[in-house]
């Protein structure tokens, strides 16, 4: 617990809590049309016309040449896909990570994302992923790997504090830095703070996270005992330490407030299988977000092999 708390830099003593805009579906669709226009200009395609279908919780837009956009009404999050096939427009050669990062930043700049942010908001590059393909012939001779796509992830900040959760914005690039897909999940806070709240000490938050983890493990042990499955000794690590920031809920969930939390991603090694568990606790005395309502789905907890890649 001490190492978990010490991994967190000293947070601010107080932090603002913001109300989030609650635009109508019509407003969200107008915003999506703007993004489609910008994305079309970058892709050198016309996305002005499309087949719009509104469902209960999302809107689907089928665009020319196999392109499409999907927007979620609860959050306003959307993904625009250019319509390229997965193995189309591959990079001719491997490129250094620094060059791919520059391409991603240039692409975001061409979309005018920074201009759409409100007062006190910013967007910064966070990390880069590369999707590669390789093969070998019947004699076992390997073919040099090919770079298929590069993905640049960006993080939304409000008053200098990161908004944790899935990537705020991600651009997937094909050869030459061409836009292959664009994903955006940025909830806009009100211009003025609703109130200011005192931040709890990291040690207290670490204690709460460890207690929450212990509860999850007790539940898993009870389930194993009920099903008579053998249990192995569990090795637990938290390589990323504890993070402090605002929390953005998943794209399918509505959110009324932007409030601070502490988050930790635990890696559990059961011997024959591994899993990742993402847990969050309120960073203030007053809890503004219903993180784990009894009897309901956890809002941020995840337990899977890919949870570590999805969060933060």
C-alpha atoms as a PDB file:
ATOM      1  CA  UNK A   1       0.000   0.000   0.000  1.00  0.00           C
ATOM      2  CA  UNK A   2       2.847   2.385   0.817  1.00  0.00           C
ATOM      3  CA  UNK A   3       4.436   1.804  -2.594  1.00  0.00           C
ATOM      4  CA  UNK A   4       1.078   2.413  -4.245  1.00  0.00           C
ATOM      5  CA  UNK A   5       0.669   5.747  -2.454  1.00  0.00           C
ATOM      6  CA  UNK A   6       4.273   6.826  -3.057  1.00  0.00           C
ATOM      7  CA  UNK A   7       3.889   6.258  -6.809  1.00  0.00           C
ATOM      8  CA  UNK A   8       1.462   9.184  -6.959  1.00  0.00           C
ATOM      9  CA  UNK A   9       2.905  12.687  -7.136  1.00  0.00           C
ATOM     10  CA  UNK A  10       1.505  15.059  -4.566  1.00  0.00           C
ATOM     11  CA  UNK A  11      -1.947  16.058  -5.898  1.00  0.00           C
ATOM     12  CA  UNK A  12      -3.416  19.544  -5.498  1.00  0.00           C
ATOM     13  CA  UNK A  13      -5.070  20.264  -2.161  1.00  0.00           C
ATOM     14  CA  UNK A  14      -8.280  21.352  -3.895  1.00  0.00           C
ATOM     15  CA  UNK A  15      -9.722  20.734  -7.330  1.00  0.00           C
ATOM     16  CA  UNK A  16     -12.728  22.067  -9.201  1.00  0.00           C
ATOM     17  CA  UNK A  17     -15.762  19.941  -9.999  1.00  0.00           C
ATOM     18  CA  UNK A  18     -17.540  20.747 -13.257  1.00  0.00           C
ATOM     19  CA  UNK A  19     -20.982  20.123 -14.641  1.00  0.00           C
ATOM     20  CA  UNK A  20     -20.957  18.488 -18.046  1.00  0.00           C
ATOM     21  CA  UNK A  21     -23.043  19.606 -20.967  1.00  0.00           C
ATOM     22  CA  UNK A  22     -26.054  17.453 -21.784  1.00  0.00           C
ATOM     23  CA  UNK A  23     -26.675  18.145 -25.482  1.00  0.00           C
ATOM     24  CA  UNK A  24     -29.680  16.719 -27.257  1.00  0.00           C
ATOM     25  CA  UNK A  25     -29.301  14.014 -29.884  1.00  0.00           C
ATOM     26  CA  UNK A  26     -29.957  16.645 -32.534  1.00  0.00           C
ATOM     27  CA  UNK A  27     -27.090  18.773 -31.181  1.00  0.00           C
ATOM     28  CA  UNK A  28     -24.802  15.742 -31.139  1.00  0.00           C
ATOM     29  CA  UNK A  29     -25.703  14.941 -34.733  1.00  0.00           C
ATOM     30  CA  UNK A  30     -24.920  18.524 -35.786  1.00  0.00           C
ATOM     31  CA  UNK A  31     -21.543  18.217 -34.070  1.00  0.00           C
ATOM     32  CA  UNK A  32     -20.939  14.908 -35.841  1.00  0.00           C
ATOM     33  CA  UNK A  33     -21.678  16.536 -39.217  1.00  0.00           C
ATOM     34  CA  UNK A  34     -18.892  19.041 -38.483  1.00  0.00           C
ATOM     35  CA  UNK A  35     -16.469  16.233 -37.683  1.00  0.00           C
ATOM     36  CA  UNK A  36     -17.483  14.390 -40.856  1.00  0.00           C
ATOM     37  CA  UNK A  37     -16.763  17.488 -42.911  1.00  0.00           C
ATOM     38  CA  UNK A  38     -13.319  17.880 -41.314  1.00  0.00           C
ATOM     39  CA  UNK A  39     -12.569  14.168 -41.614  1.00  0.00           C
ATOM     40  CA  UNK A  40     -13.645  14.175 -45.243  1.00  0.00           C
ATOM     41  CA  UNK A  41     -11.281  17.046 -46.022  1.00  0.00           C
ATOM     42  CA  UNK A  42      -8.367  15.211 -44.413  1.00  0.00           C
ATOM     43  CA  UNK A  43      -9.260  11.934 -46.194  1.00  0.00           C
ATOM     44  CA  UNK A  44      -9.911  13.809 -49.437  1.00  0.00           C
ATOM     45  CA  UNK A  45     -13.368  12.275 -49.561  1.00  0.00           C
ATOM     46  CA  UNK A  46     -16.859  13.731 -49.470  1.00  0.00           C
ATOM     47  CA  UNK A  47     -18.671  12.799 -46.265  1.00  0.00           C
ATOM     48  CA  UNK A  48     -21.396  15.421 -46.697  1.00  0.00           C
ATOM     49  CA  UNK A  49     -23.923  12.851 -47.847  1.00  0.00           C
ATOM     50  CA  UNK A  50     -24.666   9.650 -46.042  1.00  0.00           C
ATOM     51  CA  UNK A  51     -27.418   7.354 -44.866  1.00  0.00           C
ATOM     52  CA  UNK A  52     -28.255   8.404 -41.297  1.00  0.00           C
ATOM     53  CA  UNK A  53     -30.015   5.879 -39.051  1.00  0.00           C
ATOM     54  CA  UNK A  54     -30.966   6.825 -35.511  1.00  0.00           C
ATOM     55  CA  UNK A  55     -31.348   4.047 -32.944  1.00  0.00           C
ATOM     56  CA  UNK A  56     -32.306   4.258 -29.285  1.00  0.00           C
ATOM     57  CA  UNK A  57     -28.758   4.695 -27.975  1.00  0.00           C
ATOM     58  CA  UNK A  58     -26.645   5.478 -31.037  1.00  0.00           C
ATOM     59  CA  UNK A  59     -26.613   6.929 -34.520  1.00  0.00           C
ATOM     60  CA  UNK A  60     -25.061   5.103 -37.488  1.00  0.00           C
ATOM     61  CA  UNK A  61     -23.988   6.957 -40.626  1.00  0.00           C
ATOM     62  CA  UNK A  62     -23.184   4.913 -43.732  1.00  0.00           C
ATOM     63  CA  UNK A  63     -20.905   6.937 -45.997  1.00  0.00           C
ATOM     64  CA  UNK A  64     -19.615   6.486 -49.573  1.00  0.00           C
ATOM     65  CA  UNK A  65     -16.868   3.968 -50.396  1.00  0.00           C
ATOM     66  CA  UNK A  66     -17.467   1.833 -47.311  1.00  0.00           C
ATOM     67  CA  UNK A  67     -16.810   4.590 -44.793  1.00  0.00           C
ATOM     68  CA  UNK A  68     -19.049   4.926 -41.750  1.00  0.00           C
ATOM     69  CA  UNK A  69     -19.462   6.798 -38.471  1.00  0.00           C
ATOM     70  CA  UNK A  70     -20.942   5.556 -35.202  1.00  0.00           C
ATOM     71  CA  UNK A  71     -21.961   7.962 -32.420  1.00  0.00           C
ATOM     72  CA  UNK A  72     -23.225   7.142 -28.903  1.00  0.00           C
ATOM     73  CA  UNK A  73     -25.992   9.368 -27.558  1.00  0.00           C
ATOM     74  CA  UNK A  74     -25.056   8.950 -23.874  1.00  0.00           C
ATOM     75  CA  UNK A  75     -21.599  10.479 -24.228  1.00  0.00           C
ATOM     76  CA  UNK A  76     -21.359  11.979 -27.703  1.00  0.00           C
ATOM     77  CA  UNK A  77     -18.381   9.698 -28.382  1.00  0.00           C
ATOM     78  CA  UNK A  78     -17.962   8.650 -31.994  1.00  0.00           C
ATOM     79  CA  UNK A  79     -15.737   6.714 -34.361  1.00  0.00           C
ATOM     80  CA  UNK A  80     -15.223   7.598 -38.020  1.00  0.00           C
ATOM     81  CA  UNK A  81     -13.812   4.867 -40.273  1.00  0.00           C
ATOM     82  CA  UNK A  82     -12.504   5.775 -43.722  1.00  0.00           C
ATOM     83  CA  UNK A  83     -13.558   2.494 -45.346  1.00  0.00           C
ATOM     84  CA  UNK A  84     -10.088   1.160 -46.136  1.00  0.00           C
ATOM     85  CA  UNK A  85      -9.621  -2.602 -45.940  1.00  0.00           C
ATOM     86  CA  UNK A  86      -7.362  -3.759 -43.058  1.00  0.00           C
ATOM     87  CA  UNK A  87      -4.491  -4.744 -45.387  1.00  0.00           C
ATOM     88  CA  UNK A  88      -4.887  -1.790 -47.732  1.00  0.00           C
ATOM     89  CA  UNK A  89      -2.454   1.157 -47.839  1.00  0.00           C
ATOM     90  CA  UNK A  90       0.287  -0.528 -45.796  1.00  0.00           C
ATOM     91  CA  UNK A  91       3.451   1.361 -44.916  1.00  0.00           C
ATOM     92  CA  UNK A  92       6.213   0.706 -47.455  1.00  0.00           C
ATOM     93  CA  UNK A  93       8.796   0.501 -44.686  1.00  0.00           C
ATOM     94  CA  UNK A  94       9.098   0.684 -40.923  1.00  0.00           C
ATOM     95  CA  UNK A  95       9.148   4.213 -39.566  1.00  0.00           C
ATOM     96  CA  UNK A  96      10.687   5.445 -36.300  1.00  0.00           C
ATOM     97  CA  UNK A  97       8.251   6.021 -33.457  1.00  0.00           C
ATOM     98  CA  UNK A  98       9.224   9.702 -33.366  1.00  0.00           C
ATOM     99  CA  UNK A  99       8.215  10.153 -37.013  1.00  0.00           C
ATOM    100  CA  UNK A 100       4.912   8.341 -36.492  1.00  0.00           C
ATOM    101  CA  UNK A 101       4.221  10.542 -33.470  1.00  0.00           C
ATOM    102  CA  UNK A 102       4.857  13.639 -35.583  1.00  0.00           C
ATOM    103  CA  UNK A 103       2.446  12.316 -38.202  1.00  0.00           C
ATOM    104  CA  UNK A 104      -0.247  11.765 -35.558  1.00  0.00           C
ATOM    105  CA  UNK A 105       0.203  15.252 -34.110  1.00  0.00           C
ATOM    106  CA  UNK A 106       0.081  16.790 -37.593  1.00  0.00           C
ATOM    107  CA  UNK A 107      -3.114  14.884 -38.351  1.00  0.00           C
ATOM    108  CA  UNK A 108      -4.792  16.122 -35.166  1.00  0.00           C
ATOM    109  CA  UNK A 109      -3.690  19.669 -35.982  1.00  0.00           C
ATOM    110  CA  UNK A 110      -5.180  19.416 -39.480  1.00  0.00           C
ATOM    111  CA  UNK A 111      -8.503  18.381 -37.909  1.00  0.00           C
ATOM    112  CA  UNK A 112      -8.554  21.605 -35.881  1.00  0.00           C
ATOM    113  CA  UNK A 113      -9.168  19.780 -32.601  1.00  0.00           C
ATOM    114  CA  UNK A 114      -7.392  22.338 -30.413  1.00  0.00           C
ATOM    115  CA  UNK A 115      -9.618  25.107 -31.782  1.00  0.00           C
ATOM    116  CA  UNK A 116     -12.745  23.263 -30.627  1.00  0.00           C
ATOM    117  CA  UNK A 117     -11.633  23.037 -26.977  1.00  0.00           C
ATOM    118  CA  UNK A 118     -13.054  25.293 -24.292  1.00  0.00           C
ATOM    119  CA  UNK A 119     -11.312  27.563 -21.815  1.00  0.00           C
ATOM    120  CA  UNK A 120      -8.862  25.706 -19.594  1.00  0.00           C
ATOM    121  CA  UNK A 121      -8.936  22.611 -21.830  1.00  0.00           C
ATOM    122  CA  UNK A 122      -6.002  21.107 -23.707  1.00  0.00           C
ATOM    123  CA  UNK A 123      -5.093  17.964 -25.608  1.00  0.00           C
ATOM    124  CA  UNK A 124      -1.669  16.302 -25.520  1.00  0.00           C
ATOM    125  CA  UNK A 125      -0.102  13.250 -27.139  1.00  0.00           C
ATOM    126  CA  UNK A 126       0.046  10.261 -24.789  1.00  0.00           C
ATOM    127  CA  UNK A 127       1.226   7.089 -26.525  1.00  0.00           C
ATOM    128  CA  UNK A 128       1.740   5.280 -29.812  1.00  0.00           C
ATOM    129  CA  UNK A 129       0.715   1.794 -30.906  1.00  0.00           C
ATOM    130  CA  UNK A 130       1.840  -0.025 -34.041  1.00  0.00           C
ATOM    131  CA  UNK A 131       0.002  -2.850 -35.792  1.00  0.00           C
ATOM    132  CA  UNK A 132       2.333  -5.130 -37.721  1.00  0.00           C
ATOM    133  CA  UNK A 133       2.024  -8.289 -39.812  1.00  0.00           C
ATOM    134  CA  UNK A 134       4.568 -11.021 -40.516  1.00  0.00           C
ATOM    135  CA  UNK A 135       4.643 -14.487 -42.076  1.00  0.00           C
ATOM    136  CA  UNK A 136       6.895 -17.375 -43.039  1.00  0.00           C
ATOM    137  CA  UNK A 137       6.948 -19.861 -45.899  1.00  0.00           C
ATOM    138  CA  UNK A 138       6.731 -23.645 -45.679  1.00  0.00           C
ATOM    139  CA  UNK A 139      10.486 -23.898 -45.191  1.00  0.00           C
ATOM    140  CA  UNK A 140      10.227 -21.653 -42.160  1.00  0.00           C
ATOM    141  CA  UNK A 141      11.881 -18.642 -43.779  1.00  0.00           C
ATOM    142  CA  UNK A 142      10.434 -15.541 -42.146  1.00  0.00           C
ATOM    143  CA  UNK A 143       9.298 -12.494 -44.072  1.00  0.00           C
ATOM    144  CA  UNK A 144      10.222  -9.083 -42.746  1.00  0.00           C
ATOM    145  CA  UNK A 145       7.385  -7.583 -40.649  1.00  0.00           C
ATOM    146  CA  UNK A 146       5.183  -4.994 -42.323  1.00  0.00           C
ATOM    147  CA  UNK A 147       3.781  -1.945 -40.564  1.00  0.00           C
ATOM    148  CA  UNK A 148       0.032  -2.004 -41.207  1.00  0.00           C
ATOM    149  CA  UNK A 149      -1.274   0.830 -39.044  1.00  0.00           C
ATOM    150  CA  UNK A 150      -0.026   3.295 -36.439  1.00  0.00           C
ATOM    151  CA  UNK A 151      -2.324   4.626 -33.727  1.00  0.00           C
ATOM    152  CA  UNK A 152      -1.685   7.848 -31.846  1.00  0.00           C
ATOM    153  CA  UNK A 153      -3.606   8.320 -28.577  1.00  0.00           C
ATOM    154  CA  UNK A 154      -4.183  11.749 -27.039  1.00  0.00           C
ATOM    155  CA  UNK A 155      -5.285  12.785 -23.548  1.00  0.00           C
ATOM    156  CA  UNK A 156      -7.800  15.512 -22.714  1.00  0.00           C
ATOM    157  CA  UNK A 157      -6.828  17.838 -19.814  1.00  0.00           C
ATOM    158  CA  UNK A 158      -9.025  20.247 -17.866  1.00  0.00           C
ATOM    159  CA  UNK A 159      -7.160  22.935 -15.917  1.00  0.00           C
ATOM    160  CA  UNK A 160      -4.018  20.857 -16.344  1.00  0.00           C
ATOM    161  CA  UNK A 161      -5.565  17.707 -14.832  1.00  0.00           C
ATOM    162  CA  UNK A 162      -5.833  14.643 -17.119  1.00  0.00           C
ATOM    163  CA  UNK A 163      -9.233  13.151 -17.872  1.00  0.00           C
ATOM    164  CA  UNK A 164      -8.639   9.445 -17.236  1.00  0.00           C
ATOM    165  CA  UNK A 165     -10.425   6.602 -18.974  1.00  0.00           C
ATOM    166  CA  UNK A 166     -10.267   5.453 -22.586  1.00  0.00           C
ATOM    167  CA  UNK A 167      -8.162   7.544 -24.957  1.00  0.00           C
ATOM    168  CA  UNK A 168      -9.756  10.982 -25.336  1.00  0.00           C
ATOM    169  CA  UNK A 169      -8.859  10.984 -29.020  1.00  0.00           C
ATOM    170  CA  UNK A 170      -7.166   8.364 -31.179  1.00  0.00           C
ATOM    171  CA  UNK A 171      -6.095   8.618 -34.809  1.00  0.00           C
ATOM    172  CA  UNK A 172      -5.317   5.446 -36.732  1.00  0.00           C
ATOM    173  CA  UNK A 173      -3.002   6.083 -39.661  1.00  0.00           C
ATOM    174  CA  UNK A 174      -2.340   4.199 -42.869  1.00  0.00           C
ATOM    175  CA  UNK A 175       0.674   4.626 -45.160  1.00  0.00           C
ATOM    176  CA  UNK A 176       1.983   8.163 -45.411  1.00  0.00           C
ATOM    177  CA  UNK A 177       0.084   9.248 -42.315  1.00  0.00           C
ATOM    178  CA  UNK A 178      -3.301   9.057 -44.067  1.00  0.00           C
ATOM    179  CA  UNK A 179      -6.316   9.050 -41.745  1.00  0.00           C
ATOM    180  CA  UNK A 180      -7.723   5.526 -41.458  1.00  0.00           C
ATOM    181  CA  UNK A 181     -10.020   6.091 -38.478  1.00  0.00           C
ATOM    182  CA  UNK A 182     -10.741   8.690 -35.816  1.00  0.00           C
ATOM    183  CA  UNK A 183     -12.166   8.006 -32.344  1.00  0.00           C
ATOM    184  CA  UNK A 184     -13.202  10.804 -29.979  1.00  0.00           C
ATOM    185  CA  UNK A 185     -14.494  10.679 -26.391  1.00  0.00           C
ATOM    186  CA  UNK A 186     -14.292  14.169 -24.897  1.00  0.00           C
ATOM    187  CA  UNK A 187     -17.029  15.466 -22.639  1.00  0.00           C
ATOM    188  CA  UNK A 188     -17.104  19.257 -22.526  1.00  0.00           C
ATOM    189  CA  UNK A 189     -17.189  20.839 -19.043  1.00  0.00           C
ATOM    190  CA  UNK A 190     -19.103  24.014 -18.251  1.00  0.00           C
ATOM    191  CA  UNK A 191     -17.063  27.254 -18.499  1.00  0.00           C
ATOM    192  CA  UNK A 192     -17.300  27.822 -14.744  1.00  0.00           C
ATOM    193  CA  UNK A 193     -16.712  25.286 -11.970  1.00  0.00           C
ATOM    194  CA  UNK A 194     -19.727  24.080 -10.007  1.00  0.00           C
ATOM    195  CA  UNK A 195     -17.715  23.970  -6.772  1.00  0.00           C
ATOM    196  CA  UNK A 196     -14.276  23.281  -5.360  1.00  0.00           C
ATOM    197  CA  UNK A 197     -13.544  20.134  -3.332  1.00  0.00           C
ATOM    198  CA  UNK A 198     -10.677  19.098  -1.059  1.00  0.00           C
ATOM    199  CA  UNK A 199      -8.563  16.202  -2.302  1.00  0.00           C
ATOM    200  CA  UNK A 200      -7.937  13.254   0.028  1.00  0.00           C
ATOM    201  CA  UNK A 201      -4.355  12.155   0.708  1.00  0.00           C
ATOM    202  CA  UNK A 202      -2.921   9.472  -1.623  1.00  0.00           C
ATOM    203  CA  UNK A 203      -2.341   7.080   1.311  1.00  0.00           C
ATOM    204  CA  UNK A 204      -6.036   7.112   2.132  1.00  0.00           C
ATOM    205  CA  UNK A 205      -6.919   6.478  -1.508  1.00  0.00           C
ATOM    206  CA  UNK A 206      -4.374   3.650  -1.721  1.00  0.00           C
ATOM    207  CA  UNK A 207      -5.918   2.030   1.348  1.00  0.00           C
ATOM    208  CA  UNK A 208      -9.374   2.214  -0.241  1.00  0.00           C
ATOM    209  CA  UNK A 209      -8.094   0.713  -3.502  1.00  0.00           C
ATOM    210  CA  UNK A 210      -6.396  -2.163  -1.680  1.00  0.00           C
ATOM    211  CA  UNK A 211      -9.581  -2.836   0.291  1.00  0.00           C
ATOM    212  CA  UNK A 212     -11.577  -2.832  -2.938  1.00  0.00           C
ATOM    213  CA  UNK A 213      -9.093  -5.235  -4.521  1.00  0.00           C
ATOM    214  CA  UNK A 214      -9.288  -7.525  -1.483  1.00  0.00           C
ATOM    215  CA  UNK A 215     -13.069  -7.579  -1.813  1.00  0.00           C
ATOM    216  CA  UNK A 216     -12.798  -8.593  -5.464  1.00  0.00           C
ATOM    217  CA  UNK A 217     -10.349 -11.378  -4.585  1.00  0.00           C
ATOM    218  CA  UNK A 218     -12.574 -12.642  -1.758  1.00  0.00           C
ATOM    219  CA  UNK A 219     -15.460 -12.816  -4.222  1.00  0.00           C
ATOM    220  CA  UNK A 220     -13.306 -14.725  -6.698  1.00  0.00           C
ATOM    221  CA  UNK A 221     -12.189 -17.129  -3.959  1.00  0.00           C
ATOM    222  CA  UNK A 222     -15.785 -17.729  -2.899  1.00  0.00           C
ATOM    223  CA  UNK A 223     -16.772 -18.446  -6.495  1.00  0.00           C
ATOM    224  CA  UNK A 224     -13.870 -20.876  -6.884  1.00  0.00           C
ATOM    225  CA  UNK A 225     -14.863 -22.668  -3.685  1.00  0.00           C
ATOM    226  CA  UNK A 226     -18.471 -22.923  -4.855  1.00  0.00           C
ATOM    227  CA  UNK A 227     -17.442 -24.367  -8.223  1.00  0.00           C
ATOM    228  CA  UNK A 228     -14.747 -26.523  -6.560  1.00  0.00           C
ATOM    229  CA  UNK A 229     -12.066 -25.131  -8.824  1.00  0.00           C
ATOM    230  CA  UNK A 230      -8.502 -25.259  -7.472  1.00  0.00           C
ATOM    231  CA  UNK A 231      -7.049 -21.880  -6.496  1.00  0.00           C
ATOM    232  CA  UNK A 232      -3.383 -20.978  -6.961  1.00  0.00           C
ATOM    233  CA  UNK A 233      -1.307 -18.381  -5.199  1.00  0.00           C
ATOM    234  CA  UNK A 234      -1.906 -15.002  -6.834  1.00  0.00           C
ATOM    235  CA  UNK A 235       0.919 -12.619  -7.646  1.00  0.00           C
ATOM    236  CA  UNK A 236      -0.241  -8.993  -7.737  1.00  0.00           C
ATOM    237  CA  UNK A 237       1.565  -6.060  -9.333  1.00  0.00           C
ATOM    238  CA  UNK A 238       0.639  -2.450 -10.055  1.00  0.00           C
ATOM    239  CA  UNK A 239       3.328  -1.348 -12.543  1.00  0.00           C
ATOM    240  CA  UNK A 240       1.662   1.922 -13.478  1.00  0.00           C
ATOM    241  CA  UNK A 241       1.144   2.990  -9.885  1.00  0.00           C
ATOM    242  CA  UNK A 242      -1.820   5.070  -8.812  1.00  0.00           C
ATOM    243  CA  UNK A 243      -3.122   7.834 -11.077  1.00  0.00           C
ATOM    244  CA  UNK A 244      -4.964  11.026 -10.130  1.00  0.00           C
ATOM    245  CA  UNK A 245      -7.297  12.854 -12.476  1.00  0.00           C
ATOM    246  CA  UNK A 246     -10.824  13.471 -13.624  1.00  0.00           C
ATOM    247  CA  UNK A 247     -12.775  10.423 -14.765  1.00  0.00           C
ATOM    248  CA  UNK A 248     -14.590   9.981 -18.050  1.00  0.00           C
ATOM    249  CA  UNK A 249     -17.015   7.076 -17.924  1.00  0.00           C
ATOM    250  CA  UNK A 250     -17.275   4.599 -20.827  1.00  0.00           C
ATOM    251  CA  UNK A 251     -18.853   5.849 -24.048  1.00  0.00           C
ATOM    252  CA  UNK A 252     -22.170   4.048 -23.472  1.00  0.00           C
ATOM    253  CA  UNK A 253     -22.729   5.726 -20.091  1.00  0.00           C
ATOM    254  CA  UNK A 254     -24.171   9.167 -19.441  1.00  0.00           C
ATOM    255  CA  UNK A 255     -22.267  11.443 -17.071  1.00  0.00           C
ATOM    256  CA  UNK A 256     -23.448  14.573 -15.283  1.00  0.00           C
ATOM    257  CA  UNK A 257     -20.296  15.735 -13.485  1.00  0.00           C
ATOM    258  CA  UNK A 258     -16.558  15.812 -14.087  1.00  0.00           C
ATOM    259  CA  UNK A 259     -14.995  14.920 -10.734  1.00  0.00           C
ATOM    260  CA  UNK A 260     -11.543  13.687  -9.612  1.00  0.00           C
ATOM    261  CA  UNK A 261     -10.661  10.093  -8.766  1.00  0.00           C
ATOM    262  CA  UNK A 262      -7.670   7.889  -8.019  1.00  0.00           C
ATOM    263  CA  UNK A 263      -7.241   4.937 -10.384  1.00  0.00           C
ATOM    264  CA  UNK A 264      -4.951   1.904 -10.244  1.00  0.00           C
ATOM    265  CA  UNK A 265      -4.514  -0.986 -12.662  1.00  0.00           C
ATOM    266  CA  UNK A 266      -3.581  -4.252 -10.961  1.00  0.00           C
ATOM    267  CA  UNK A 267      -2.034  -7.174 -12.835  1.00  0.00           C
ATOM    268  CA  UNK A 268      -2.949 -10.555 -11.350  1.00  0.00           C
ATOM    269  CA  UNK A 269      -0.987 -13.705 -12.150  1.00  0.00           C
ATOM    270  CA  UNK A 270      -2.900 -16.868 -11.192  1.00  0.00           C
ATOM    271  CA  UNK A 271      -0.230 -19.173 -12.555  1.00  0.00           C
ATOM    272  CA  UNK A 272      -2.129 -20.630 -15.496  1.00  0.00           C
ATOM    273  CA  UNK A 273      -3.875 -17.400 -16.427  1.00  0.00           C
ATOM    274  CA  UNK A 274      -3.406 -13.665 -16.047  1.00  0.00           C
ATOM    275  CA  UNK A 275      -5.845 -10.805 -15.770  1.00  0.00           C
ATOM    276  CA  UNK A 276      -5.919  -7.055 -15.264  1.00  0.00           C
ATOM    277  CA  UNK A 277      -8.246  -5.239 -12.918  1.00  0.00           C
ATOM    278  CA  UNK A 278      -8.853  -1.482 -13.078  1.00  0.00           C
ATOM    279  CA  UNK A 279     -10.236   0.046  -9.883  1.00  0.00           C
ATOM    280  CA  UNK A 280     -11.174   3.615  -8.971  1.00  0.00           C
ATOM    281  CA  UNK A 281     -12.079   5.509  -5.802  1.00  0.00           C
ATOM    282  CA  UNK A 282     -13.221   9.062  -5.223  1.00  0.00           C
ATOM    283  CA  UNK A 283     -10.392  11.576  -4.724  1.00  0.00           C
ATOM    284  CA  UNK A 284     -12.559  13.890  -2.609  1.00  0.00           C
ATOM    285  CA  UNK A 285     -14.357  13.675   0.724  1.00  0.00           C
ATOM    286  CA  UNK A 286     -17.659  13.972  -1.079  1.00  0.00           C
ATOM    287  CA  UNK A 287     -18.265  11.299  -3.687  1.00  0.00           C
ATOM    288  CA  UNK A 288     -19.591  12.867  -6.889  1.00  0.00           C
ATOM    289  CA  UNK A 289     -19.610   9.748  -9.085  1.00  0.00           C
ATOM    290  CA  UNK A 290     -21.414   6.497  -8.361  1.00  0.00           C
ATOM    291  CA  UNK A 291     -18.403   4.293  -9.066  1.00  0.00           C
ATOM    292  CA  UNK A 292     -19.643   0.997  -7.643  1.00  0.00           C
ATOM    293  CA  UNK A 293     -23.326   0.977  -6.847  1.00  0.00           C
ATOM    294  CA  UNK A 294     -24.341  -2.212  -4.981  1.00  0.00           C
ATOM    295  CA  UNK A 295     -26.150  -4.654  -7.233  1.00  0.00           C
ATOM    296  CA  UNK A 296     -25.248  -2.829 -10.423  1.00  0.00           C
ATOM    297  CA  UNK A 297     -22.554  -3.031 -13.058  1.00  0.00           C
ATOM    298  CA  UNK A 298     -19.268  -1.453 -12.018  1.00  0.00           C
ATOM    299  CA  UNK A 299     -18.664   1.724 -13.955  1.00  0.00           C
ATOM    300  CA  UNK A 300     -14.905   1.487 -14.245  1.00  0.00           C
ATOM    301  CA  UNK A 301     -13.817  -1.870 -12.857  1.00  0.00           C
ATOM    302  CA  UNK A 302     -12.671  -4.328 -15.484  1.00  0.00           C
ATOM    303  CA  UNK A 303     -11.324  -7.831 -15.280  1.00  0.00           C
ATOM    304  CA  UNK A 304      -9.862  -9.201 -18.476  1.00  0.00           C
ATOM    305  CA  UNK A 305      -6.670  -9.754 -20.394  1.00  0.00           C
ATOM    306  CA  UNK A 306      -7.175  -6.508 -22.334  1.00  0.00           C
ATOM    307  CA  UNK A 307      -8.300  -4.195 -19.534  1.00  0.00           C
ATOM    308  CA  UNK A 308      -4.824  -2.743 -19.177  1.00  0.00           C
ATOM    309  CA  UNK A 309      -4.809  -1.664 -22.803  1.00  0.00           C
ATOM    310  CA  UNK A 310      -8.263  -0.108 -22.635  1.00  0.00           C
ATOM    311  CA  UNK A 311      -7.770   2.142 -19.650  1.00  0.00           C
ATOM    312  CA  UNK A 312      -5.877   5.348 -19.113  1.00  0.00           C
END
